[in-house]
């Protein structure tokens, strides 16, 4: 059974389309890094 390569395209959303990230998201990311890596 041969394997075929298939081309794909991806267009990310713009800020106006709902790609919103704020300071709370950064805080949660730092919390997760500390929780799962430092406090093991």
N, C-alpha and C. Protein backbone atom coordinates (compact mmCIF):
# COMPACT_ATOMS: atom_id res chain seq x y z
N UNK A 1 0.85 -1.19 0.00
CA UNK A 1 0.00 0.00 0.00
C UNK A 1 0.89 1.25 0.00
N UNK A 2 0.88 2.03 -1.06
CA UNK A 2 1.75 3.21 -1.13
C UNK A 2 1.26 4.35 -0.24
N UNK A 3 2.21 5.17 0.16
CA UNK A 3 1.91 6.35 0.99
C UNK A 3 2.03 7.58 0.11
N UNK A 4 1.02 8.41 0.13
CA UNK A 4 1.00 9.61 -0.70
C UNK A 4 1.13 10.86 0.15
N UNK A 5 1.86 11.86 -0.36
CA UNK A 5 1.94 13.15 0.30
C UNK A 5 0.80 14.04 -0.19
N UNK A 6 0.16 14.71 0.73
CA UNK A 6 -0.97 15.56 0.38
C UNK A 6 -0.67 16.97 0.88
N UNK A 7 -0.78 17.95 0.00
CA UNK A 7 -0.53 19.32 0.40
C UNK A 7 -1.68 19.89 1.21
N UNK A 8 -1.35 20.70 2.20
CA UNK A 8 -2.37 21.34 3.02
C UNK A 8 -2.08 22.83 3.07
N UNK A 9 -3.09 23.60 3.41
CA UNK A 9 -2.91 25.03 3.62
C UNK A 9 -3.61 25.43 4.91
N UNK A 10 -3.05 26.39 5.59
CA UNK A 10 -3.60 26.83 6.86
C UNK A 10 -3.56 28.34 6.92
N UNK A 11 -4.67 28.93 7.28
CA UNK A 11 -4.74 30.38 7.45
C UNK A 11 -5.23 30.66 8.86
N UNK A 12 -4.37 31.21 9.69
CA UNK A 12 -4.74 31.52 11.06
C UNK A 12 -5.72 32.68 11.13
N UNK A 13 -6.46 32.73 12.22
CA UNK A 13 -7.42 33.81 12.40
C UNK A 13 -6.70 35.10 12.76
N UNK A 14 -7.29 36.20 12.37
CA UNK A 14 -6.74 37.50 12.74
C UNK A 14 -7.29 37.90 14.11
N UNK A 15 -6.78 38.97 14.64
CA UNK A 15 -7.25 39.46 15.94
C UNK A 15 -8.73 39.80 15.89
N UNK A 16 -9.16 40.40 14.77
CA UNK A 16 -10.56 40.77 14.64
C UNK A 16 -11.49 39.56 14.55
N UNK A 17 -10.97 38.46 14.08
CA UNK A 17 -11.79 37.26 13.94
C UNK A 17 -11.88 36.44 15.22
N UNK A 18 -11.27 36.89 16.26
CA UNK A 18 -11.43 36.20 17.53
C UNK A 18 -10.18 35.60 18.12
N UNK A 19 -9.02 35.91 17.58
CA UNK A 19 -7.79 35.39 18.15
C UNK A 19 -7.32 36.36 19.23
N UNK A 20 -7.91 36.23 20.38
CA UNK A 20 -7.64 37.19 21.44
C UNK A 20 -6.90 36.50 22.59
N UNK A 21 -5.82 37.08 23.00
CA UNK A 21 -5.06 36.59 24.14
C UNK A 21 -4.70 37.79 24.99
N UNK A 22 -4.83 37.63 26.28
CA UNK A 22 -4.59 38.75 27.18
C UNK A 22 -3.58 38.41 28.25
N UNK A 23 -3.43 39.31 29.19
CA UNK A 23 -2.45 39.10 30.26
C UNK A 23 -2.84 37.94 31.14
N UNK A 24 -4.13 37.65 31.26
CA UNK A 24 -4.55 36.51 32.08
C UNK A 24 -4.05 35.20 31.49
N UNK A 25 -4.04 35.11 30.17
CA UNK A 25 -3.55 33.89 29.52
C UNK A 25 -2.06 33.70 29.80
N UNK A 26 -1.30 34.78 29.79
CA UNK A 26 0.12 34.70 30.12
C UNK A 26 0.34 34.25 31.55
N UNK A 27 -0.48 34.76 32.45
CA UNK A 27 -0.37 34.38 33.86
C UNK A 27 -0.68 32.90 34.04
N UNK A 28 -1.71 32.43 33.35
CA UNK A 28 -2.06 31.01 33.45
C UNK A 28 -0.97 30.13 32.88
N UNK A 29 -0.32 30.58 31.81
CA UNK A 29 0.77 29.80 31.22
C UNK A 29 1.94 29.71 32.19
N UNK A 30 2.29 30.82 32.81
CA UNK A 30 3.38 30.81 33.78
C UNK A 30 3.04 29.91 34.97
N UNK A 31 1.79 29.96 35.42
CA UNK A 31 1.36 29.12 36.53
C UNK A 31 1.51 27.64 36.17
N UNK A 32 1.11 27.28 34.94
CA UNK A 32 1.21 25.88 34.51
C UNK A 32 2.67 25.45 34.43
N UNK A 33 3.55 26.32 33.94
CA UNK A 33 4.96 25.98 33.84
C UNK A 33 5.54 25.73 35.23
N UNK A 34 5.22 26.61 36.16
CA UNK A 34 5.72 26.44 37.53
C UNK A 34 5.13 25.19 38.16
N UNK A 35 3.84 24.99 37.98
CA UNK A 35 3.17 23.87 38.63
C UNK A 35 3.69 22.52 38.15
N UNK A 36 3.88 22.38 36.84
CA UNK A 36 4.23 21.07 36.30
C UNK A 36 5.72 20.83 36.12
N UNK A 37 6.54 21.88 36.16
CA UNK A 37 7.96 21.68 35.96
C UNK A 37 8.81 21.98 37.19
N UNK A 38 8.49 23.05 37.88
CA UNK A 38 9.32 23.44 39.01
C UNK A 38 8.89 22.70 40.28
N UNK A 39 7.60 22.56 40.49
CA UNK A 39 7.10 21.95 41.73
C UNK A 39 6.83 20.46 41.56
N UNK A 40 7.76 19.75 40.98
CA UNK A 40 7.59 18.29 40.82
C UNK A 40 8.21 17.57 41.96
